[in-house]
């Protein structure tokens, strides 16, 4: 009679040990922002330990599966704007596994009649663009290990182009493959007010979002040492303050929606085991079909809402809003078997 109890204690002890490992990563000053919250850029460290925890859970409680939302930012742009073209880049609205990075490369290759653009050298450019960066073309050049766009122009034999030609081609390709995503992104970026440093909005479940703007501040110091030596320092650092050139509006709004998706998934799974880290969802293998259905149902919920415009109006009642394209339907979403995979 003692053995089952001993095994149960050992199991709980091991679970606590693994949860403590997660806690250590979350609280490590190297992994936190100046405000003390977890730095999302360190998600890789957390994901590795989290997978170790779920693997242990699987070995002690039956087989587990973990599913990632396929390029969730594009999925969310797609459902929030009702746009099939954008959603289908991320396996939503189509019953197949699609590859947005390769689609971007293909669009650039078609436009320039070349084959130099690949999934590998286009991946980071798409990722950073979806979160507000204007350096998509630069990321491609970095991946190609080229100094500037003119070096690439020479390689392609392009004549009469200026040094912004790749930026123009990149923006055209993005507008071609993800038209509503680009429109919605710019609409959200327009919400930035150089006199406002804190933005607040409320999600449908009552969750309150607070976005503190970071701004680059220049620093110039001049001083004289005790020995009479003059020295100076100039540089810049980021502080929480309003910014004229803030590109963080769209990523923070989209992140607030992906957080809402995660919370809804936990609610819909009820008493079934579910764990989530960002856009990754874990459950027992026997419940995988339920998790997939719940995810598609949440996407339908967002499609039928006016959440994006609601958030925009909460931030600025006078801001312009987005007209949905209405090409993405409930039926198409519900037929998507690879939205998480």
Protein backbone atom coordinates (compact mmCIF):
# COMPACT_ATOMS: atom_id res chain seq x y z
CA UNK A 1 0.00 0.00 0.00
CA UNK A 2 2.97 2.30 0.61
CA UNK A 3 4.46 1.97 -2.90
CA UNK A 4 1.73 3.87 -4.84
CA UNK A 5 1.90 6.66 -2.28
CA UNK A 6 5.70 6.79 -2.53
CA UNK A 7 5.48 6.97 -6.34
CA UNK A 8 2.89 9.73 -6.09
CA UNK A 9 5.13 11.76 -3.79
CA UNK A 10 8.10 11.23 -6.11
CA UNK A 11 5.99 12.30 -9.10
CA UNK A 12 4.82 15.47 -7.38
CA UNK A 13 8.36 16.23 -6.22
CA UNK A 14 9.62 15.92 -9.80
CA UNK A 15 6.82 18.15 -11.10
CA UNK A 16 7.68 20.79 -8.52
CA UNK A 17 11.34 20.56 -9.49
CA UNK A 18 10.53 21.14 -13.15
CA UNK A 19 8.13 23.98 -12.37
CA UNK A 20 10.83 25.59 -10.25
CA UNK A 21 13.13 25.43 -13.29
CA UNK A 22 10.51 27.38 -15.25
CA UNK A 23 10.16 29.88 -12.40
CA UNK A 24 13.94 30.37 -12.33
CA UNK A 25 13.97 31.30 -16.02
CA UNK A 26 11.01 33.65 -15.63
CA UNK A 27 12.59 35.46 -12.69
CA UNK A 28 16.18 35.55 -13.92
CA UNK A 29 17.17 39.25 -14.25
CA UNK A 30 18.89 38.36 -17.54
CA UNK A 31 15.48 37.36 -18.93
CA UNK A 32 13.41 40.28 -17.66
CA UNK A 33 12.79 43.82 -18.83
CA UNK A 34 13.60 46.90 -16.77
CA UNK A 35 10.03 46.76 -15.49
CA UNK A 36 10.56 43.25 -14.16
CA UNK A 37 8.35 41.43 -16.66
CA UNK A 38 9.52 38.50 -18.78
CA UNK A 39 11.32 39.58 -21.97
CA UNK A 40 9.49 37.88 -24.85
CA UNK A 41 12.73 37.88 -26.85
CA UNK A 42 13.98 35.20 -24.44
CA UNK A 43 11.05 32.89 -25.26
CA UNK A 44 13.46 30.27 -26.63
CA UNK A 45 14.92 29.63 -23.18
CA UNK A 46 11.47 29.26 -21.66
CA UNK A 47 10.16 27.07 -24.48
CA UNK A 48 13.01 24.54 -24.06
CA UNK A 49 12.36 24.03 -20.34
CA UNK A 50 8.62 24.05 -20.92
CA UNK A 51 8.99 21.19 -23.42
CA UNK A 52 11.03 19.28 -20.85
CA UNK A 53 8.15 19.70 -18.41
CA UNK A 54 5.51 18.53 -20.89
CA UNK A 55 7.67 15.56 -21.90
CA UNK A 56 7.83 14.51 -18.26
CA UNK A 57 4.08 14.95 -17.95
CA UNK A 58 3.61 12.82 -21.04
CA UNK A 59 5.78 10.03 -19.64
CA UNK A 60 3.80 10.02 -16.39
CA UNK A 61 0.29 10.62 -17.68
CA UNK A 62 0.06 9.28 -21.22
CA UNK A 63 1.06 10.73 -24.58
CA UNK A 64 1.07 14.50 -25.08
CA UNK A 65 1.03 16.57 -28.23
CA UNK A 66 2.15 20.13 -28.75
CA UNK A 67 0.84 22.23 -31.61
CA UNK A 68 1.98 25.66 -32.79
CA UNK A 69 -0.30 28.20 -34.42
CA UNK A 70 1.11 28.55 -37.94
CA UNK A 71 2.51 32.09 -38.19
CA UNK A 72 -0.12 33.35 -35.79
CA UNK A 73 0.41 37.05 -36.52
CA UNK A 74 -0.74 36.49 -40.11
CA UNK A 75 -3.66 34.37 -38.92
CA UNK A 76 -4.78 37.15 -36.61
CA UNK A 77 -4.40 39.83 -39.27
CA UNK A 78 -6.46 37.59 -41.54
CA UNK A 79 -9.39 37.02 -39.17
CA UNK A 80 -9.42 40.58 -37.83
CA UNK A 81 -9.71 41.96 -41.39
CA UNK A 82 -11.72 39.08 -42.87
CA UNK A 83 -9.04 38.59 -45.51
CA UNK A 84 -8.52 35.13 -47.05
CA UNK A 85 -5.34 36.13 -48.90
CA UNK A 86 -3.63 37.05 -45.63
CA UNK A 87 -5.02 34.14 -43.58
CA UNK A 88 -4.17 31.53 -46.22
CA UNK A 89 -0.48 32.42 -45.90
CA UNK A 90 -0.68 30.84 -42.44
CA UNK A 91 -2.72 27.68 -43.15
CA UNK A 92 -6.02 29.31 -42.17
CA UNK A 93 -8.92 29.33 -44.60
CA UNK A 94 -7.24 26.58 -46.62
CA UNK A 95 -6.96 22.89 -45.83
CA UNK A 96 -3.20 22.62 -46.37
CA UNK A 97 0.08 23.53 -44.71
CA UNK A 98 1.22 26.75 -46.34
CA UNK A 99 4.55 28.57 -46.08
CA UNK A 100 4.39 32.37 -45.90
CA UNK A 101 8.15 32.77 -46.07
CA UNK A 102 8.41 30.84 -49.33
CA UNK A 103 5.40 32.74 -50.71
CA UNK A 104 7.18 36.02 -50.06
CA UNK A 105 10.31 34.71 -51.80
CA UNK A 106 8.20 33.55 -54.75
CA UNK A 107 6.53 36.97 -55.07
CA UNK A 108 9.90 38.74 -55.14
CA UNK A 109 11.33 36.24 -57.64
CA UNK A 110 8.34 36.66 -59.97
CA UNK A 111 8.51 40.43 -59.83
CA UNK A 112 12.24 40.54 -60.60
CA UNK A 113 12.42 37.45 -62.83
CA UNK A 114 15.05 35.78 -60.68
CA UNK A 115 15.54 32.92 -58.23
CA UNK A 116 17.84 34.56 -55.67
CA UNK A 117 15.13 34.98 -53.04
CA UNK A 118 14.59 31.94 -50.85
CA UNK A 119 12.61 30.94 -47.80
CA UNK A 120 15.79 31.21 -45.74
CA UNK A 121 16.76 34.75 -46.73
CA UNK A 122 13.17 36.03 -46.56
CA UNK A 123 12.06 34.51 -43.25
CA UNK A 124 13.33 37.12 -40.82
CA UNK A 125 12.23 40.00 -43.07
CA UNK A 126 8.62 38.80 -42.95
CA UNK A 127 8.74 38.15 -39.22
CA UNK A 128 10.01 41.60 -38.28
CA UNK A 129 7.70 43.35 -40.74
CA UNK A 130 4.62 41.77 -39.15
CA UNK A 131 5.69 43.35 -35.88
CA UNK A 132 6.15 46.89 -37.12
CA UNK A 133 9.70 46.98 -38.47
CA UNK A 134 10.45 48.93 -41.64
CA UNK A 135 13.72 47.07 -42.20
CA UNK A 136 12.39 44.09 -44.14
CA UNK A 137 14.57 44.72 -47.18
CA UNK A 138 17.62 45.24 -44.97
CA UNK A 139 17.02 41.87 -43.30
CA UNK A 140 17.04 40.18 -46.71
CA UNK A 141 20.36 41.83 -47.57
CA UNK A 142 21.78 40.77 -44.21
CA UNK A 143 20.69 37.18 -44.83
CA UNK A 144 22.37 37.33 -48.26
CA UNK A 145 25.49 38.84 -46.64
CA UNK A 146 25.36 41.85 -48.93
CA UNK A 147 26.42 45.36 -47.99
CA UNK A 148 23.57 47.26 -49.69
CA UNK A 149 20.81 47.03 -52.28
CA UNK A 150 23.06 48.27 -55.07
CA UNK A 151 25.28 45.20 -54.65
CA UNK A 152 22.21 43.02 -55.20
CA UNK A 153 21.13 45.20 -58.13
CA UNK A 154 24.49 44.59 -59.80
CA UNK A 155 24.17 40.85 -59.22
CA UNK A 156 20.72 40.87 -60.86
CA UNK A 157 21.86 43.13 -63.71
CA UNK A 158 19.34 45.85 -62.85
CA UNK A 159 19.91 49.21 -64.52
CA UNK A 160 18.73 52.69 -63.56
CA UNK A 161 17.59 51.83 -60.02
CA UNK A 162 18.18 53.90 -56.89
CA UNK A 163 19.27 52.63 -53.48
CA UNK A 164 15.64 52.27 -52.34
CA UNK A 165 14.62 49.88 -55.11
CA UNK A 166 14.60 46.79 -52.84
CA UNK A 167 12.46 48.54 -50.22
CA UNK A 168 9.91 49.31 -52.93
CA UNK A 169 9.98 45.72 -54.26
CA UNK A 170 9.66 44.30 -50.75
CA UNK A 171 6.69 46.53 -49.88
CA UNK A 172 5.03 45.63 -53.18
CA UNK A 173 5.50 41.92 -52.52
CA UNK A 174 4.06 42.22 -49.01
CA UNK A 175 1.08 44.20 -50.30
CA UNK A 176 0.53 41.49 -52.91
CA UNK A 177 0.60 38.46 -50.61
CA UNK A 178 -0.86 40.07 -47.45
CA UNK A 179 -2.82 43.16 -48.55
CA UNK A 180 -5.04 43.61 -45.52
CA UNK A 181 -2.26 42.86 -43.06
CA UNK A 182 -0.22 45.75 -44.43
CA UNK A 183 -3.21 48.08 -44.45
CA UNK A 184 -4.19 47.15 -40.89
CA UNK A 185 -0.62 47.53 -39.69
CA UNK A 186 -0.33 51.07 -40.99
CA UNK A 187 -3.74 51.91 -39.56
CA UNK A 188 -2.55 50.81 -36.12
CA UNK A 189 0.78 52.60 -36.45
CA UNK A 190 -1.10 55.84 -37.13
CA UNK A 191 -2.48 55.62 -33.58
CA UNK A 192 0.86 56.70 -32.17
CA UNK A 193 0.80 60.16 -30.64
CA UNK A 194 4.18 61.73 -29.92
CA UNK A 195 2.69 63.30 -26.78
CA UNK A 196 1.34 60.06 -25.29
CA UNK A 197 3.53 57.52 -23.52
CA UNK A 198 0.92 55.08 -22.18
CA UNK A 199 -1.94 53.43 -24.07
CA UNK A 200 -4.74 51.36 -22.51
CA UNK A 201 -7.47 49.15 -23.91
CA UNK A 202 -9.71 46.33 -22.69
CA UNK A 203 -10.10 42.94 -24.34
CA UNK A 204 -13.50 41.17 -24.71
CA UNK A 205 -12.87 39.04 -21.60
CA UNK A 206 -12.20 42.11 -19.47
CA UNK A 207 -8.42 41.78 -19.54
CA UNK A 208 -6.85 45.25 -19.31
CA UNK A 209 -3.92 45.99 -21.59
CA UNK A 210 -1.34 48.67 -20.81
CA UNK A 211 1.30 49.57 -23.38
CA UNK A 212 4.22 51.74 -22.23
CA UNK A 213 6.06 53.34 -25.14
CA UNK A 214 9.84 53.12 -25.31
CA UNK A 215 11.75 56.05 -26.73
CA UNK A 216 15.38 56.57 -27.73
CA UNK A 217 16.86 59.42 -25.71
CA UNK A 218 20.15 61.05 -26.63
CA UNK A 219 22.73 61.61 -23.90
CA UNK A 220 25.66 64.00 -24.02
CA UNK A 221 27.99 64.44 -21.07
CA UNK A 222 31.00 66.68 -20.64
CA UNK A 223 33.15 66.69 -17.52
CA UNK A 224 36.63 67.27 -16.20
CA UNK A 225 38.55 64.82 -14.07
CA UNK A 226 40.30 65.78 -10.84
CA UNK A 227 43.52 65.79 -12.79
CA UNK A 228 42.14 68.44 -15.14
CA UNK A 229 41.50 66.12 -18.10
CA UNK A 230 38.43 66.95 -20.19
CA UNK A 231 36.33 64.06 -21.40
CA UNK A 232 32.93 63.67 -23.04
CA UNK A 233 30.38 60.98 -23.81
CA UNK A 234 27.53 60.86 -26.29
CA UNK A 235 25.12 58.07 -26.99
CA UNK A 236 21.51 57.00 -26.67
CA UNK A 237 19.46 54.68 -24.54
CA UNK A 238 15.83 53.58 -24.35
CA UNK A 239 13.49 54.92 -21.71
CA UNK A 240 9.74 54.72 -21.19
CA UNK A 241 8.52 57.93 -22.79
CA UNK A 242 6.43 59.17 -25.73
CA UNK A 243 8.07 58.83 -29.13
CA UNK A 244 7.46 60.46 -32.50
CA UNK A 245 8.87 57.43 -34.31
CA UNK A 246 7.21 54.62 -32.37
CA UNK A 247 6.64 51.42 -34.40
CA UNK A 248 5.29 49.44 -31.46
CA UNK A 249 1.56 50.07 -31.81
CA UNK A 250 0.73 47.23 -34.20
CA UNK A 251 2.82 44.50 -32.50
CA UNK A 252 1.39 45.36 -29.07
CA UNK A 253 -2.17 45.27 -30.35
CA UNK A 254 -1.59 41.95 -32.13
CA UNK A 255 0.13 40.51 -29.03
CA UNK A 256 -2.89 41.51 -26.94
CA UNK A 257 -5.07 39.50 -29.31
CA UNK A 258 -2.83 36.42 -29.25
CA UNK A 259 -2.95 36.60 -25.44
CA UNK A 260 -6.75 36.66 -25.66
CA UNK A 261 -6.63 33.59 -27.93
CA UNK A 262 -4.54 31.70 -25.36
CA UNK A 263 -6.94 32.58 -22.54
CA UNK A 264 -9.95 31.55 -24.62
CA UNK A 265 -8.29 28.23 -25.44
CA UNK A 266 -7.82 27.49 -21.73
CA UNK A 267 -11.45 28.37 -21.04
CA UNK A 268 -12.82 26.27 -23.90
CA UNK A 269 -10.79 23.20 -22.92
CA UNK A 270 -12.58 23.21 -19.57
CA UNK A 271 -11.36 20.46 -17.24
CA UNK A 272 -9.18 18.85 -19.92
CA UNK A 273 -5.44 19.36 -19.56
CA UNK A 274 -4.14 22.31 -21.58
CA UNK A 275 -0.95 24.33 -21.29
CA UNK A 276 0.14 27.17 -23.49
CA UNK A 277 3.22 29.28 -24.05
CA UNK A 278 2.65 32.16 -26.45
CA UNK A 279 1.18 30.48 -29.58
CA UNK A 280 2.06 26.90 -28.66
CA UNK A 281 -0.65 24.66 -27.19
CA UNK A 282 -0.16 21.34 -25.40
CA UNK A 283 -2.74 18.71 -24.51
CA UNK A 284 -3.13 14.96 -24.22
CA UNK A 285 -3.12 13.17 -27.56
CA UNK A 286 -6.69 11.97 -27.04
CA UNK A 287 -7.84 15.61 -26.85
CA UNK A 288 -5.87 16.93 -29.85
CA UNK A 289 -8.94 17.01 -32.11
CA UNK A 290 -10.83 19.01 -29.47
CA UNK A 291 -7.97 21.51 -29.18
CA UNK A 292 -7.90 21.92 -32.97
CA UNK A 293 -11.66 22.50 -33.07
CA UNK A 294 -11.49 24.99 -30.22
CA UNK A 295 -8.76 26.93 -31.97
CA UNK A 296 -10.78 27.17 -35.18
CA UNK A 297 -13.86 28.20 -33.16
CA UNK A 298 -11.84 31.03 -31.57
CA UNK A 299 -10.73 32.17 -35.04
CA UNK A 300 -14.39 32.21 -36.12
CA UNK A 301 -15.24 34.23 -33.01
CA UNK A 302 -12.62 36.82 -33.98
CA UNK A 303 -13.79 36.82 -37.60
CA UNK A 304 -17.36 37.62 -36.54
CA UNK A 305 -16.23 40.36 -34.17
CA UNK A 306 -15.09 43.89 -34.85
CA UNK A 307 -12.28 43.59 -32.33
CA UNK A 308 -9.59 45.44 -34.25
CA UNK A 309 -11.74 48.51 -34.83
CA UNK A 310 -12.96 48.32 -31.24
CA UNK A 311 -9.37 48.49 -29.95
CA UNK A 312 -8.55 51.30 -32.37
CA UNK A 313 -11.53 53.33 -31.17
CA UNK A 314 -10.62 52.74 -27.53
CA UNK A 315 -7.19 54.22 -28.20
CA UNK A 316 -8.41 57.08 -30.38
CA UNK A 317 -12.13 57.57 -31.08
CA UNK A 318 -11.30 59.74 -34.09
CA UNK A 319 -8.87 57.32 -35.77
CA UNK A 320 -9.59 55.73 -39.12
CA UNK A 321 -10.77 52.13 -39.06
CA UNK A 322 -10.44 49.07 -41.28
CA UNK A 323 -13.07 47.83 -43.70
CA UNK A 324 -13.09 44.04 -43.80
CA UNK A 325 -12.59 42.38 -47.17
CA UNK A 326 -15.09 39.61 -46.25
CA UNK A 327 -13.30 36.98 -48.33
CA UNK A 328 -12.60 34.75 -45.32
CA UNK A 329 -15.64 32.78 -44.11
CA UNK A 330 -16.59 30.59 -41.16
CA UNK A 331 -16.78 27.57 -43.44
CA UNK A 332 -13.25 28.09 -44.74
CA UNK A 333 -11.88 28.44 -41.21
CA UNK A 334 -13.66 25.33 -39.99
CA UNK A 335 -12.19 23.32 -42.88
CA UNK A 336 -8.65 24.33 -41.87
CA UNK A 337 -6.98 21.23 -40.45
CA UNK A 338 -3.52 22.77 -40.15
CA UNK A 339 -4.19 26.11 -38.41
CA UNK A 340 -2.29 24.63 -35.47
CA UNK A 341 0.13 21.88 -36.36
